[in-house]
């Protein structure tokens, strides 16, 4: 889990008294799915469209030995 989970949970409970961990997860799931799709799209654009390297000295494809 992330380090700010307790802080986020306290903020949610402040505004919705009966909130629990499941409520927080169900509220954040659409945002998490959106960020997953956005970062995968950004990675594909970075590597396959722009042809930029993933990192210093890191090839995108490894040859089969």
C-alpha atoms as a PDB file:
ATOM      1  CA  UNK A   1       0.000   0.000   0.000  1.00  0.00           C
ATOM      2  CA  UNK A   2       1.035   3.581  -0.296  1.00  0.00           C
ATOM      3  CA  UNK A   3       2.351   5.704   2.546  1.00  0.00           C
ATOM      4  CA  UNK A   4      -0.442   8.295   2.361  1.00  0.00           C
ATOM      5  CA  UNK A   5      -3.228   5.731   2.687  1.00  0.00           C
ATOM      6  CA  UNK A   6      -3.977   6.696   6.294  1.00  0.00           C
ATOM      7  CA  UNK A   7      -4.138  10.388   5.446  1.00  0.00           C
ATOM      8  CA  UNK A   8      -6.475   9.776   2.510  1.00  0.00           C
ATOM      9  CA  UNK A   9      -8.605   7.457   4.643  1.00  0.00           C
ATOM     10  CA  UNK A  10      -8.903  10.082   7.397  1.00  0.00           C
ATOM     11  CA  UNK A  11      -9.950  12.700   4.844  1.00  0.00           C
ATOM     12  CA  UNK A  12     -12.603  10.403   3.374  1.00  0.00           C
ATOM     13  CA  UNK A  13     -13.945   9.568   6.841  1.00  0.00           C
ATOM     14  CA  UNK A  14     -14.139  13.285   7.647  1.00  0.00           C
ATOM     15  CA  UNK A  15     -16.667  13.794   4.839  1.00  0.00           C
ATOM     16  CA  UNK A  16     -18.360  10.378   4.870  1.00  0.00           C
ATOM     17  CA  UNK A  17     -18.588   8.911   8.377  1.00  0.00           C
ATOM     18  CA  UNK A  18     -19.450   5.338   7.380  1.00  0.00           C
ATOM     19  CA  UNK A  19     -16.595   4.994   4.868  1.00  0.00           C
ATOM     20  CA  UNK A  20     -14.181   2.104   5.085  1.00  0.00           C
ATOM     21  CA  UNK A  21     -11.311   0.633   3.123  1.00  0.00           C
ATOM     22  CA  UNK A  22     -13.677  -0.886   0.551  1.00  0.00           C
ATOM     23  CA  UNK A  23     -15.349   2.476   0.008  1.00  0.00           C
ATOM     24  CA  UNK A  24     -11.998   4.118  -0.620  1.00  0.00           C
ATOM     25  CA  UNK A  25     -10.906   1.395  -3.035  1.00  0.00           C
ATOM     26  CA  UNK A  26     -14.198   1.518  -4.950  1.00  0.00           C
ATOM     27  CA  UNK A  27     -13.974   5.305  -5.195  1.00  0.00           C
ATOM     28  CA  UNK A  28     -10.376   5.253  -6.478  1.00  0.00           C
ATOM     29  CA  UNK A  29     -10.715   2.316  -8.904  1.00  0.00           C
ATOM     30  CA  UNK A  30     -11.909   4.398 -11.910  1.00  0.00           C
ATOM     31  CA  UNK A  31      -9.012   6.823 -11.445  1.00  0.00           C
ATOM     32  CA  UNK A  32      -6.541   3.941 -11.196  1.00  0.00           C
ATOM     33  CA  UNK A  33      -7.891   2.340 -14.375  1.00  0.00           C
ATOM     34  CA  UNK A  34      -7.661   5.651 -16.229  1.00  0.00           C
ATOM     35  CA  UNK A  35      -4.060   6.213 -15.110  1.00  0.00           C
ATOM     36  CA  UNK A  36      -3.112   2.647 -16.109  1.00  0.00           C
ATOM     37  CA  UNK A  37      -4.494   3.145 -19.624  1.00  0.00           C
ATOM     38  CA  UNK A  38      -2.942   6.622 -19.917  1.00  0.00           C
ATOM     39  CA  UNK A  39       0.549   5.475 -18.840  1.00  0.00           C
ATOM     40  CA  UNK A  40       0.475   2.463 -21.174  1.00  0.00           C
ATOM     41  CA  UNK A  41      -0.549   4.752 -24.050  1.00  0.00           C
ATOM     42  CA  UNK A  42       2.199   7.225 -23.153  1.00  0.00           C
ATOM     43  CA  UNK A  43       4.764   4.409 -23.070  1.00  0.00           C
ATOM     44  CA  UNK A  44       3.645   3.105 -26.470  1.00  0.00           C
ATOM     45  CA  UNK A  45       3.851   6.589 -27.972  1.00  0.00           C
ATOM     46  CA  UNK A  46       7.279   7.155 -26.367  1.00  0.00           C
ATOM     47  CA  UNK A  47       8.788   3.906 -27.634  1.00  0.00           C
ATOM     48  CA  UNK A  48       6.970   2.966 -30.841  1.00  0.00           C
ATOM     49  CA  UNK A  49       5.898   6.310 -32.320  1.00  0.00           C
ATOM     50  CA  UNK A  50       8.727   8.603 -31.267  1.00  0.00           C
ATOM     51  CA  UNK A  51      11.370   5.856 -31.219  1.00  0.00           C
ATOM     52  CA  UNK A  52      12.952   7.139 -28.009  1.00  0.00           C
ATOM     53  CA  UNK A  53      14.908   4.747 -25.779  1.00  0.00           C
ATOM     54  CA  UNK A  54      13.369   3.411 -22.596  1.00  0.00           C
ATOM     55  CA  UNK A  55      16.442   4.307 -20.581  1.00  0.00           C
ATOM     56  CA  UNK A  56      20.163   4.973 -20.917  1.00  0.00           C
ATOM     57  CA  UNK A  57      21.715   2.020 -22.713  1.00  0.00           C
ATOM     58  CA  UNK A  58      18.519  -0.057 -22.501  1.00  0.00           C
ATOM     59  CA  UNK A  59      17.398  -1.535 -25.817  1.00  0.00           C
ATOM     60  CA  UNK A  60      13.684  -1.767 -26.529  1.00  0.00           C
ATOM     61  CA  UNK A  61      13.918  -5.249 -28.032  1.00  0.00           C
ATOM     62  CA  UNK A  62      16.318  -8.031 -27.071  1.00  0.00           C
ATOM     63  CA  UNK A  63      17.539 -10.333 -29.862  1.00  0.00           C
ATOM     64  CA  UNK A  64      16.737 -14.020 -29.493  1.00  0.00           C
ATOM     65  CA  UNK A  65      20.001 -15.941 -28.896  1.00  0.00           C
END
